[in-house]
All heavy atoms as atom14 arrays in JSON, in Angstrom:
{
  "sequence": "SFSLPVQEALHTYCVHIARQVAKAIMDRNGVAAPRKMLVTGGGAFN",
  "atom14_mask": [
    [1, 1, 1, 1, 1, 1, 0, 0, 0, 0, 0, 0, 0, 0],
    [1, 1, 1, 1, 1, 1, 1, 1, 1, 1, 1, 0, 0, 0],
    [1, 1, 1, 1, 1, 1, 0, 0, 0, 0, 0, 0, 0, 0],
    [1, 1, 1, 1, 1, 1, 1, 1, 0, 0, 0, 0, 0, 0],
    [1, 1, 1, 1, 1, 1, 1, 0, 0, 0, 0, 0, 0, 0],
    [1, 1, 1, 1, 1, 1, 1, 0, 0, 0, 0, 0, 0, 0],
    [1, 1, 1, 1, 1, 1, 1, 1, 1, 0, 0, 0, 0, 0],
    [1, 1, 1, 1, 1, 1, 1, 1, 1, 0, 0, 0, 0, 0],
    [1, 1, 1, 1, 1, 0, 0, 0, 0, 0, 0, 0, 0, 0],
    [1, 1, 1, 1, 1, 1, 1, 1, 0, 0, 0, 0, 0, 0],
    [1, 1, 1, 1, 1, 1, 1, 1, 1, 1, 0, 0, 0, 0],
    [1, 1, 1, 1, 1, 1, 1, 0, 0, 0, 0, 0, 0, 0],
    [1, 1, 1, 1, 1, 1, 1, 1, 1, 1, 1, 1, 0, 0],
    [1, 1, 1, 1, 1, 1, 0, 0, 0, 0, 0, 0, 0, 0],
    [1, 1, 1, 1, 1, 1, 1, 0, 0, 0, 0, 0, 0, 0],
    [1, 1, 1, 1, 1, 1, 1, 1, 1, 1, 0, 0, 0, 0],
    [1, 1, 1, 1, 1, 1, 1, 1, 0, 0, 0, 0, 0, 0],
    [1, 1, 1, 1, 1, 0, 0, 0, 0, 0, 0, 0, 0, 0],
    [1, 1, 1, 1, 1, 1, 1, 1, 1, 1, 1, 0, 0, 0],
    [1, 1, 1, 1, 1, 1, 1, 1, 1, 0, 0, 0, 0, 0],
    [1, 1, 1, 1, 1, 1, 1, 0, 0, 0, 0, 0, 0, 0],
    [1, 1, 1, 1, 1, 0, 0, 0, 0, 0, 0, 0, 0, 0],
    [1, 1, 1, 1, 1, 1, 1, 1, 1, 0, 0, 0, 0, 0],
    [1, 1, 1, 1, 1, 0, 0, 0, 0, 0, 0, 0, 0, 0],
    [1, 1, 1, 1, 1, 1, 1, 1, 0, 0, 0, 0, 0, 0],
    [1, 1, 1, 1, 1, 1, 1, 1, 0, 0, 0, 0, 0, 0],
    [1, 1, 1, 1, 1, 1, 1, 1, 0, 0, 0, 0, 0, 0],
    [1, 1, 1, 1, 1, 1, 1, 1, 1, 1, 1, 0, 0, 0],
    [1, 1, 1, 1, 1, 1, 1, 1, 0, 0, 0, 0, 0, 0],
    [1, 1, 1, 1, 0, 0, 0, 0, 0, 0, 0, 0, 0, 0],
    [1, 1, 1, 1, 1, 1, 1, 0, 0, 0, 0, 0, 0, 0],
    [1, 1, 1, 1, 1, 0, 0, 0, 0, 0, 0, 0, 0, 0],
    [1, 1, 1, 1, 1, 0, 0, 0, 0, 0, 0, 0, 0, 0],
    [1, 1, 1, 1, 1, 1, 1, 0, 0, 0, 0, 0, 0, 0],
    [1, 1, 1, 1, 1, 1, 1, 1, 1, 1, 1, 0, 0, 0],
    [1, 1, 1, 1, 1, 1, 1, 1, 1, 0, 0, 0, 0, 0],
    [1, 1, 1, 1, 1, 1, 1, 1, 0, 0, 0, 0, 0, 0],
    [1, 1, 1, 1, 1, 1, 1, 1, 0, 0, 0, 0, 0, 0],
    [1, 1, 1, 1, 1, 1, 1, 0, 0, 0, 0, 0, 0, 0],
    [1, 1, 1, 1, 1, 1, 1, 0, 0, 0, 0, 0, 0, 0],
    [1, 1, 1, 1, 0, 0, 0, 0, 0, 0, 0, 0, 0, 0],
    [1, 1, 1, 1, 0, 0, 0, 0, 0, 0, 0, 0, 0, 0],
    [1, 1, 1, 1, 0, 0, 0, 0, 0, 0, 0, 0, 0, 0],
    [1, 1, 1, 1, 1, 0, 0, 0, 0, 0, 0, 0, 0, 0],
    [1, 1, 1, 1, 1, 1, 1, 1, 1, 1, 1, 0, 0, 0],
    [1, 1, 1, 1, 1, 1, 1, 1, 0, 0, 0, 0, 0, 0]
  ],
  "atom14_positions": [
    [[-56.97, -8.65, -42.62], [-58.0, -9.14, -43.55], [-58.69, -10.38, -43.04], [-59.75, -10.74, -43.53], [-57.42, -9.34, -44.93], [-56.57, -10.51, -44.9], [0.0, 0.0, 0.0], [0.0, 0.0, 0.0], [0.0, 0.0, 0.0], [0.0, 0.0, 0.0], [0.0, 0.0, 0.0], [0.0, 0.0, 0.0], [0.0, 0.0, 0.0], [0.0, 0.0, 0.0]],
    [[-58.08, -11.09, -42.08], [-58.66, -12.32, -41.53], [-59.67, -12.0, -40.42], [-60.37, -12.89, -39.93], [-57.58, -13.25, -40.99], [-56.9, -14.04, -42.06], [-56.03, -13.47, -42.93], [-57.17, -15.4, -42.17], [-55.4, -14.2, -43.95], [-56.54, -16.17, -43.19], [-55.65, -15.56, -44.05], [0.0, 0.0, 0.0], [0.0, 0.0, 0.0], [0.0, 0.0, 0.0]],
    [[-59.78, -10.73, -40.01], [-60.74, -10.28, -39.0], [-60.77, -11.14, -37.74], [-61.81, -11.59, -37.26], [-62.15, -10.29, -39.63], [-62.22, -9.42, -40.73], [0.0, 0.0, 0.0], [0.0, 0.0, 0.0], [0.0, 0.0, 0.0], [0.0, 0.0, 0.0], [0.0, 0.0, 0.0], [0.0, 0.0, 0.0], [0.0, 0.0, 0.0], [0.0, 0.0, 0.0]],
    [[-59.59, -11.37, -37.2], [-59.46, -12.21, -36.01], [-59.44, -11.34, -34.72], [-59.08, -10.18, -34.77], [-58.13, -12.99, -36.06], [-57.91, -13.86, -37.29], [-56.5, -14.47, -37.25], [-58.93, -14.97, -37.36], [0.0, 0.0, 0.0], [0.0, 0.0, 0.0], [0.0, 0.0, 0.0], [0.0, 0.0, 0.0], [0.0, 0.0, 0.0], [0.0, 0.0, 0.0]],
    [[-59.81, -11.93, -33.62], [-59.56, -11.27, -32.34], [-58.05, -10.96, -32.16], [-57.24, -11.74, -32.68], [-60.04, -12.27, -31.3], [-60.95, -13.19, -32.04], [-60.47, -13.25, -33.44], [0.0, 0.0, 0.0], [0.0, 0.0, 0.0], [0.0, 0.0, 0.0], [0.0, 0.0, 0.0], [0.0, 0.0, 0.0], [0.0, 0.0, 0.0], [0.0, 0.0, 0.0]],
    [[-57.77, -9.85, -31.52], [-56.34, -9.45, -31.46], [-55.49, -10.51, -30.8], [-54.33, -10.69, -31.2], [-56.22, -8.07, -30.71], [-56.62, -8.21, -29.23], [-54.78, -7.55, -30.87], [0.0, 0.0, 0.0], [0.0, 0.0, 0.0], [0.0, 0.0, 0.0], [0.0, 0.0, 0.0], [0.0, 0.0, 0.0], [0.0, 0.0, 0.0], [0.0, 0.0, 0.0]],
    [[-56.0, -11.23, -29.84], [-55.2, -12.32, -29.19], [-54.84, -13.38, -30.15], [-53.69, -13.87, -30.17], [-55.99, -12.9, -28.03], [-56.25, -11.96, -26.85], [-57.56, -11.23, -26.97], [-58.1, -11.11, -28.06], [-58.08, -10.72, -25.87], [0.0, 0.0, 0.0], [0.0, 0.0, 0.0], [0.0, 0.0, 0.0], [0.0, 0.0, 0.0], [0.0, 0.0, 0.0]],
    [[-55.73, -13.77, -31.05], [-55.54, -14.85, -32.02], [-54.52, -14.34, -33.09], [-53.65, -15.05, -33.52], [-56.8, -15.25, -32.66], [-56.73, -16.47, -33.52], [-58.07, -17.0, -33.99], [-59.07, -16.73, -33.26], [-58.14, -17.75, -34.98], [0.0, 0.0, 0.0], [0.0, 0.0, 0.0], [0.0, 0.0, 0.0], [0.0, 0.0, 0.0], [0.0, 0.0, 0.0]],
    [[-54.68, -13.09, -33.5], [-53.77, -12.51, -34.51], [-52.35, -12.47, -33.97], [-51.36, -12.8, -34.67], [-54.28, -11.13, -34.97], [0.0, 0.0, 0.0], [0.0, 0.0, 0.0], [0.0, 0.0, 0.0], [0.0, 0.0, 0.0], [0.0, 0.0, 0.0], [0.0, 0.0, 0.0], [0.0, 0.0, 0.0], [0.0, 0.0, 0.0], [0.0, 0.0, 0.0]],
    [[-52.18, -11.96, -32.76], [-50.89, -11.87, -32.12], [-50.25, -13.22, -31.9], [-49.08, -13.42, -32.19], [-50.97, -11.1, -30.76], [-51.31, -9.63, -30.87], [-51.66, -9.09, -29.5], [-50.12, -8.83, -31.43], [0.0, 0.0, 0.0], [0.0, 0.0, 0.0], [0.0, 0.0, 0.0], [0.0, 0.0, 0.0], [0.0, 0.0, 0.0], [0.0, 0.0, 0.0]],
    [[-51.01, -14.16, -31.38], [-50.52, -15.54, -31.16], [-50.01, -16.1, -32.51], [-48.87, -16.66, -32.56], [-51.67, -16.38, -30.62], [-51.27, -17.79, -30.26], [-51.25, -18.23, -28.95], [-50.91, -18.85, -31.05], [-50.89, -19.49, -28.97], [-50.67, -19.89, -30.22], [0.0, 0.0, 0.0], [0.0, 0.0, 0.0], [0.0, 0.0, 0.0], [0.0, 0.0, 0.0]],
    [[-50.8, -16.03, -33.56], [-50.4, -16.59, -34.82], [-49.17, -15.94, -35.38], [-48.29, -16.6, -35.92], [-51.59, -16.48, -35.79], [-52.78, -17.05, -35.24], [-51.27, -17.13, -37.15], [0.0, 0.0, 0.0], [0.0, 0.0, 0.0], [0.0, 0.0, 0.0], [0.0, 0.0, 0.0], [0.0, 0.0, 0.0], [0.0, 0.0, 0.0], [0.0, 0.0, 0.0]],
    [[-49.12, -14.61, -35.26], [-47.96, -13.91, -35.87], [-46.7, -14.23, -35.08], [-45.61, -14.33, -35.67], [-48.21, -12.41, -35.97], [-47.31, -11.82, -37.0], [-47.58, -11.92, -38.34], [-46.07, -11.21, -36.64], [-46.71, -11.43, -39.29], [-45.23, -10.71, -37.59], [-45.54, -10.83, -38.91], [-44.7, -10.36, -39.88], [0.0, 0.0, 0.0], [0.0, 0.0, 0.0]],
    [[-46.73, -14.39, -33.78], [-45.59, -14.8, -33.02], [-45.09, -16.18, -33.44], [-43.87, -16.45, -33.57], [-45.9, -14.81, -31.49], [-45.99, -13.18, -30.74], [0.0, 0.0, 0.0], [0.0, 0.0, 0.0], [0.0, 0.0, 0.0], [0.0, 0.0, 0.0], [0.0, 0.0, 0.0], [0.0, 0.0, 0.0], [0.0, 0.0, 0.0], [0.0, 0.0, 0.0]],
    [[-46.04, -17.12, -33.63], [-45.63, -18.47, -34.13], [-45.0, -18.31, -35.51], [-43.99, -18.98, -35.79], [-46.91, -19.35, -34.22], [-46.57, -20.67, -34.91], [-47.47, -19.61, -32.8], [0.0, 0.0, 0.0], [0.0, 0.0, 0.0], [0.0, 0.0, 0.0], [0.0, 0.0, 0.0], [0.0, 0.0, 0.0], [0.0, 0.0, 0.0], [0.0, 0.0, 0.0]],
    [[-45.5, -17.45, -36.35], [-44.93, -17.21, -37.68], [-43.5, -16.71, -37.58], [-42.65, -17.23, -38.31], [-45.84, -16.2, -38.42], [-45.23, -15.67, -39.65], [-45.04, -16.44, -40.79], [-44.78, -14.42, -39.96], [-44.5, -15.68, -41.75], [-44.31, -14.47, -41.26], [0.0, 0.0, 0.0], [0.0, 0.0, 0.0], [0.0, 0.0, 0.0], [0.0, 0.0, 0.0]],
    [[-43.26, -15.73, -36.74], [-41.92, -15.19, -36.56], [-40.93, -16.32, -36.18], [-39.86, -16.48, -36.79], [-41.87, -14.07, -35.54], [-42.67, -12.85, -36.03], [-40.43, -13.65, -35.25], [-42.87, -11.8, -35.01], [0.0, 0.0, 0.0], [0.0, 0.0, 0.0], [0.0, 0.0, 0.0], [0.0, 0.0, 0.0], [0.0, 0.0, 0.0], [0.0, 0.0, 0.0]],
    [[-41.34, -17.05, -35.13], [-40.45, -18.12, -34.65], [-40.14, -19.15, -35.73], [-39.02, -19.6, -35.87], [-41.07, -18.77, -33.44], [0.0, 0.0, 0.0], [0.0, 0.0, 0.0], [0.0, 0.0, 0.0], [0.0, 0.0, 0.0], [0.0, 0.0, 0.0], [0.0, 0.0, 0.0], [0.0, 0.0, 0.0], [0.0, 0.0, 0.0], [0.0, 0.0, 0.0]],
    [[-41.14, -19.56, -36.44], [-40.94, -20.59, -37.47], [-40.09, -20.05, -38.62], [-39.31, -20.85, -39.21], [-42.27, -21.12, -37.96], [-43.02, -21.9, -36.84], [-44.19, -22.64, -37.36], [-44.92, -23.33, -36.26], [-46.03, -24.08, -36.42], [-46.52, -24.26, -37.65], [-46.57, -24.62, -35.39], [0.0, 0.0, 0.0], [0.0, 0.0, 0.0], [0.0, 0.0, 0.0]],
    [[-40.24, -18.8, -38.97], [-39.41, -18.27, -40.05], [-37.98, -18.15, -39.67], [-37.09, -18.33, -40.48], [-39.99, -16.93, -40.5], [-41.24, -17.02, -41.34], [-41.07, -17.91, -42.52], [-40.08, -17.89, -43.23], [-42.12, -18.75, -42.84], [0.0, 0.0, 0.0], [0.0, 0.0, 0.0], [0.0, 0.0, 0.0], [0.0, 0.0, 0.0], [0.0, 0.0, 0.0]],
    [[-37.71, -17.82, -38.39], [-36.33, -17.79, -37.89], [-35.74, -19.19, -38.0], [-34.58, -19.33, -38.5], [-36.27, -17.26, -36.45], [-34.89, -17.45, -35.87], [-36.68, -15.76, -36.39], [0.0, 0.0, 0.0], [0.0, 0.0, 0.0], [0.0, 0.0, 0.0], [0.0, 0.0, 0.0], [0.0, 0.0, 0.0], [0.0, 0.0, 0.0], [0.0, 0.0, 0.0]],
    [[-36.46, -20.21, -37.49], [-35.95, -21.55, -37.62], [-35.72, -21.98, -39.04], [-34.73, -22.67, -39.38], [-36.9, -22.51, -36.88], [0.0, 0.0, 0.0], [0.0, 0.0, 0.0], [0.0, 0.0, 0.0], [0.0, 0.0, 0.0], [0.0, 0.0, 0.0], [0.0, 0.0, 0.0], [0.0, 0.0, 0.0], [0.0, 0.0, 0.0], [0.0, 0.0, 0.0]],
    [[-36.66, -21.66, -39.93], [-36.52, -22.01, -41.32], [-35.32, -21.33, -41.96], [-34.58, -21.94, -42.73], [-37.79, -21.57, -42.09], [-37.73, -21.85, -43.59], [-38.99, -21.35, -44.28], [-38.97, -21.63, -45.81], [-37.9, -20.88, -46.48], [0.0, 0.0, 0.0], [0.0, 0.0, 0.0], [0.0, 0.0, 0.0], [0.0, 0.0, 0.0], [0.0, 0.0, 0.0]],
    [[-35.1, -20.06, -41.58], [-33.92, -19.34, -42.13], [-32.63, -19.99, -41.75], [-31.69, -20.09, -42.52], [-33.98, -17.88, -41.64], [0.0, 0.0, 0.0], [0.0, 0.0, 0.0], [0.0, 0.0, 0.0], [0.0, 0.0, 0.0], [0.0, 0.0, 0.0], [0.0, 0.0, 0.0], [0.0, 0.0, 0.0], [0.0, 0.0, 0.0], [0.0, 0.0, 0.0]],
    [[-32.53, -20.48, -40.48], [-31.34, -21.16, -40.05], [-31.19, -22.5, -40.77], [-30.1, -22.88, -41.25], [-31.41, -21.36, -38.53], [-31.34, -20.02, -37.84], [-30.22, -22.26, -38.08], [-31.58, -20.07, -36.33], [0.0, 0.0, 0.0], [0.0, 0.0, 0.0], [0.0, 0.0, 0.0], [0.0, 0.0, 0.0], [0.0, 0.0, 0.0], [0.0, 0.0, 0.0]],
    [[-32.26, -23.23, -40.92], [-32.21, -24.51, -41.65], [-31.8, -24.31, -43.06], [-30.97, -25.08, -43.62], [-33.6, -25.17, -41.59], [-33.86, -25.91, -40.28], [-32.87, -27.44, -40.13], [-33.49, -28.42, -41.45], [0.0, 0.0, 0.0], [0.0, 0.0, 0.0], [0.0, 0.0, 0.0], [0.0, 0.0, 0.0], [0.0, 0.0, 0.0], [0.0, 0.0, 0.0]],
    [[-32.36, -23.28, -43.75], [-32.05, -23.07, -45.11], [-30.61, -22.69, -45.37], [-29.99, -23.08, -46.4], [-32.92, -21.93, -45.67], [-34.39, -22.33, -45.86], [-34.68, -23.55, -45.81], [-35.24, -21.41, -46.06], [0.0, 0.0, 0.0], [0.0, 0.0, 0.0], [0.0, 0.0, 0.0], [0.0, 0.0, 0.0], [0.0, 0.0, 0.0], [0.0, 0.0, 0.0]],
    [[-30.0, -22.05, -44.39], [-28.62, -21.6, -44.54], [-27.6, -22.61, -44.05], [-26.6, -22.86, -44.65], [-28.38, -20.25, -43.82], [-29.28, -19.14, -44.23], [-29.36, -19.0, -45.76], [-28.07, -18.84, -46.4], [-27.83, -18.93, -47.67], [-28.79, -19.27, -48.51], [-26.62, -18.75, -48.2], [0.0, 0.0, 0.0], [0.0, 0.0, 0.0], [0.0, 0.0, 0.0]],
    [[-27.87, -23.19, -42.84], [-26.84, -23.99, -42.18], [-27.25, -25.44, -41.97], [-26.4, -26.24, -41.57], [-26.54, -23.37, -40.82], [-25.75, -22.04, -40.93], [-25.76, -21.45, -42.01], [-25.15, -21.6, -39.84], [0.0, 0.0, 0.0], [0.0, 0.0, 0.0], [0.0, 0.0, 0.0], [0.0, 0.0, 0.0], [0.0, 0.0, 0.0], [0.0, 0.0, 0.0]],
    [[-28.51, -25.79, -42.12], [-28.94, -27.12, -41.78], [-28.9, -27.28, -40.28], [-28.88, -26.35, -39.53], [0.0, 0.0, 0.0], [0.0, 0.0, 0.0], [0.0, 0.0, 0.0], [0.0, 0.0, 0.0], [0.0, 0.0, 0.0], [0.0, 0.0, 0.0], [0.0, 0.0, 0.0], [0.0, 0.0, 0.0], [0.0, 0.0, 0.0], [0.0, 0.0, 0.0]],
    [[-28.91, -28.54, -39.85], [-28.91, -28.83, -38.36], [-27.48, -28.6, -37.9], [-26.48, -29.12, -38.41], [-29.32, -30.29, -38.06], [-29.23, -30.6, -36.62], [-30.76, -30.51, -38.59], [0.0, 0.0, 0.0], [0.0, 0.0, 0.0], [0.0, 0.0, 0.0], [0.0, 0.0, 0.0], [0.0, 0.0, 0.0], [0.0, 0.0, 0.0], [0.0, 0.0, 0.0]],
    [[-27.35, -27.74, -36.88], [-26.04, -27.3, -36.4], [-25.61, -28.02, -35.15], [-26.44, -28.64, -34.46], [-26.07, -25.79, -36.15], [0.0, 0.0, 0.0], [0.0, 0.0, 0.0], [0.0, 0.0, 0.0], [0.0, 0.0, 0.0], [0.0, 0.0, 0.0], [0.0, 0.0, 0.0], [0.0, 0.0, 0.0], [0.0, 0.0, 0.0], [0.0, 0.0, 0.0]],
    [[-24.29, -28.0, -34.9], [-23.81, -28.43, -33.55], [-24.29, -27.41, -32.51], [-24.84, -26.36, -32.92], [-22.29, -28.49, -33.61], [0.0, 0.0, 0.0], [0.0, 0.0, 0.0], [0.0, 0.0, 0.0], [0.0, 0.0, 0.0], [0.0, 0.0, 0.0], [0.0, 0.0, 0.0], [0.0, 0.0, 0.0], [0.0, 0.0, 0.0], [0.0, 0.0, 0.0]],
    [[-24.2, -27.74, -31.25], [-24.68, -26.79, -30.23], [-24.16, -25.41, -30.47], [-22.94, -25.16, -30.59], [-24.18, -27.42, -28.9], [-24.11, -28.86, -29.18], [-23.64, -28.97, -30.66], [0.0, 0.0, 0.0], [0.0, 0.0, 0.0], [0.0, 0.0, 0.0], [0.0, 0.0, 0.0], [0.0, 0.0, 0.0], [0.0, 0.0, 0.0], [0.0, 0.0, 0.0]],
    [[-25.02, -24.49, -30.52], [-24.7, -23.07, -30.75], [-25.51, -22.16, -29.86], [-26.59, -22.57, -29.38], [-24.94, -22.68, -32.23], [-24.09, -23.4, -33.22], [-22.65, -22.92, -33.25], [-21.91, -23.45, -34.37], [-21.13, -24.48, -34.33], [-21.06, -25.15, -33.19], [-20.43, -24.91, -35.37], [0.0, 0.0, 0.0], [0.0, 0.0, 0.0], [0.0, 0.0, 0.0]],
    [[-25.06, -20.95, -29.65], [-25.81, -20.0, -28.87], [-26.29, -18.84, -29.78], [-25.63, -18.41, -30.69], [-24.94, -19.37, -27.78], [-24.51, -20.34, -26.67], [-23.76, -19.62, -25.59], [-23.39, -20.6, -24.41], [-22.67, -19.93, -23.37], [0.0, 0.0, 0.0], [0.0, 0.0, 0.0], [0.0, 0.0, 0.0], [0.0, 0.0, 0.0], [0.0, 0.0, 0.0]],
    [[-27.55, -18.49, -29.52], [-28.18, -17.37, -30.23], [-28.42, -16.2, -29.28], [-29.17, -16.39, -28.29], [-29.46, -17.82, -30.9], [-30.22, -16.64, -31.58], [-31.87, -17.15, -32.13], [-31.48, -18.17, -33.53], [0.0, 0.0, 0.0], [0.0, 0.0, 0.0], [0.0, 0.0, 0.0], [0.0, 0.0, 0.0], [0.0, 0.0, 0.0], [0.0, 0.0, 0.0]],
    [[-27.87, -15.06, -29.51], [-28.11, -13.87, -28.71], [-29.33, -13.13, -29.28], [-29.34, -12.76, -30.45], [-26.88, -12.94, -28.76], [-26.94, -11.7, -27.85], [-26.85, -12.09, -26.37], [-25.89, -10.72, -28.2], [0.0, 0.0, 0.0], [0.0, 0.0, 0.0], [0.0, 0.0, 0.0], [0.0, 0.0, 0.0], [0.0, 0.0, 0.0], [0.0, 0.0, 0.0]],
    [[-30.36, -12.97, -28.45], [-31.58, -12.37, -28.88], [-31.75, -11.0, -28.19], [-31.71, -10.89, -27.01], [-32.79, -13.25, -28.59], [-34.1, -12.56, -29.07], [-32.66, -14.6, -29.22], [0.0, 0.0, 0.0], [0.0, 0.0, 0.0], [0.0, 0.0, 0.0], [0.0, 0.0, 0.0], [0.0, 0.0, 0.0], [0.0, 0.0, 0.0], [0.0, 0.0, 0.0]],
    [[-31.89, -9.99, -29.01], [-32.06, -8.59, -28.51], [-33.21, -7.91, -29.21], [-33.88, -8.51, -30.03], [-30.74, -7.79, -28.73], [-30.47, -7.83, -30.14], [-29.6, -8.38, -27.93], [0.0, 0.0, 0.0], [0.0, 0.0, 0.0], [0.0, 0.0, 0.0], [0.0, 0.0, 0.0], [0.0, 0.0, 0.0], [0.0, 0.0, 0.0], [0.0, 0.0, 0.0]],
    [[-33.44, -6.65, -28.86], [-34.56, -5.91, -29.4], [-35.8, -6.08, -28.54], [-35.85, -6.98, -27.65], [0.0, 0.0, 0.0], [0.0, 0.0, 0.0], [0.0, 0.0, 0.0], [0.0, 0.0, 0.0], [0.0, 0.0, 0.0], [0.0, 0.0, 0.0], [0.0, 0.0, 0.0], [0.0, 0.0, 0.0], [0.0, 0.0, 0.0], [0.0, 0.0, 0.0]],
    [[-36.81, -5.23, -28.74], [-37.97, -5.24, -27.9], [-38.71, -6.52, -27.83], [-39.33, -6.89, -26.79], [0.0, 0.0, 0.0], [0.0, 0.0, 0.0], [0.0, 0.0, 0.0], [0.0, 0.0, 0.0], [0.0, 0.0, 0.0], [0.0, 0.0, 0.0], [0.0, 0.0, 0.0], [0.0, 0.0, 0.0], [0.0, 0.0, 0.0], [0.0, 0.0, 0.0]],
    [[-38.64, -7.34, -28.89], [-39.3, -8.6, -28.92], [-38.75, -9.63, -27.89], [-39.39, -10.63, -27.56], [0.0, 0.0, 0.0], [0.0, 0.0, 0.0], [0.0, 0.0, 0.0], [0.0, 0.0, 0.0], [0.0, 0.0, 0.0], [0.0, 0.0, 0.0], [0.0, 0.0, 0.0], [0.0, 0.0, 0.0], [0.0, 0.0, 0.0], [0.0, 0.0, 0.0]],
    [[-37.51, -9.35, -27.4], [-36.9, -10.28, -26.41], [-37.67, -10.25, -25.1], [-37.52, -11.16, -24.27], [-35.47, -9.88, -26.21], [0.0, 0.0, 0.0], [0.0, 0.0, 0.0], [0.0, 0.0, 0.0], [0.0, 0.0, 0.0], [0.0, 0.0, 0.0], [0.0, 0.0, 0.0], [0.0, 0.0, 0.0], [0.0, 0.0, 0.0], [0.0, 0.0, 0.0]],
    [[-38.51, -9.18, -24.87], [-39.3, -9.12, -23.66], [-40.7, -9.71, -23.82], [-41.46, -9.77, -22.88], [-39.45, -7.68, -23.23], [-38.18, -6.97, -22.89], [-37.7, -5.92, -23.61], [-37.39, -7.45, -21.78], [-36.5, -5.27, -23.27], [-36.15, -6.81, -21.45], [-35.74, -5.75, -22.24], [0.0, 0.0, 0.0], [0.0, 0.0, 0.0], [0.0, 0.0, 0.0]],
    [[-40.96, -10.18, -25.05], [-42.25, -10.85, -25.29], [-42.05, -12.36, -24.99], [-41.54, -13.12, -25.75], [-42.66, -10.66, -26.75], [-44.0, -11.24, -27.11], [-44.4, -12.27, -26.61], [-44.72, -10.56, -27.99], [0.0, 0.0, 0.0], [0.0, 0.0, 0.0], [0.0, 0.0, 0.0], [0.0, 0.0, 0.0], [0.0, 0.0, 0.0], [0.0, 0.0, 0.0]]
  ]
}
């Protein structure tokens, strides 16, 4: 509905995904001690 060029839409949505993952961790655990996150699925190649 924002009628954006595909590059801009993809860029923005990737930023959105990353920020929502970080927000989800903050909401649940707060700032953590050093931890490792295993990332899988097709998006890991992006």
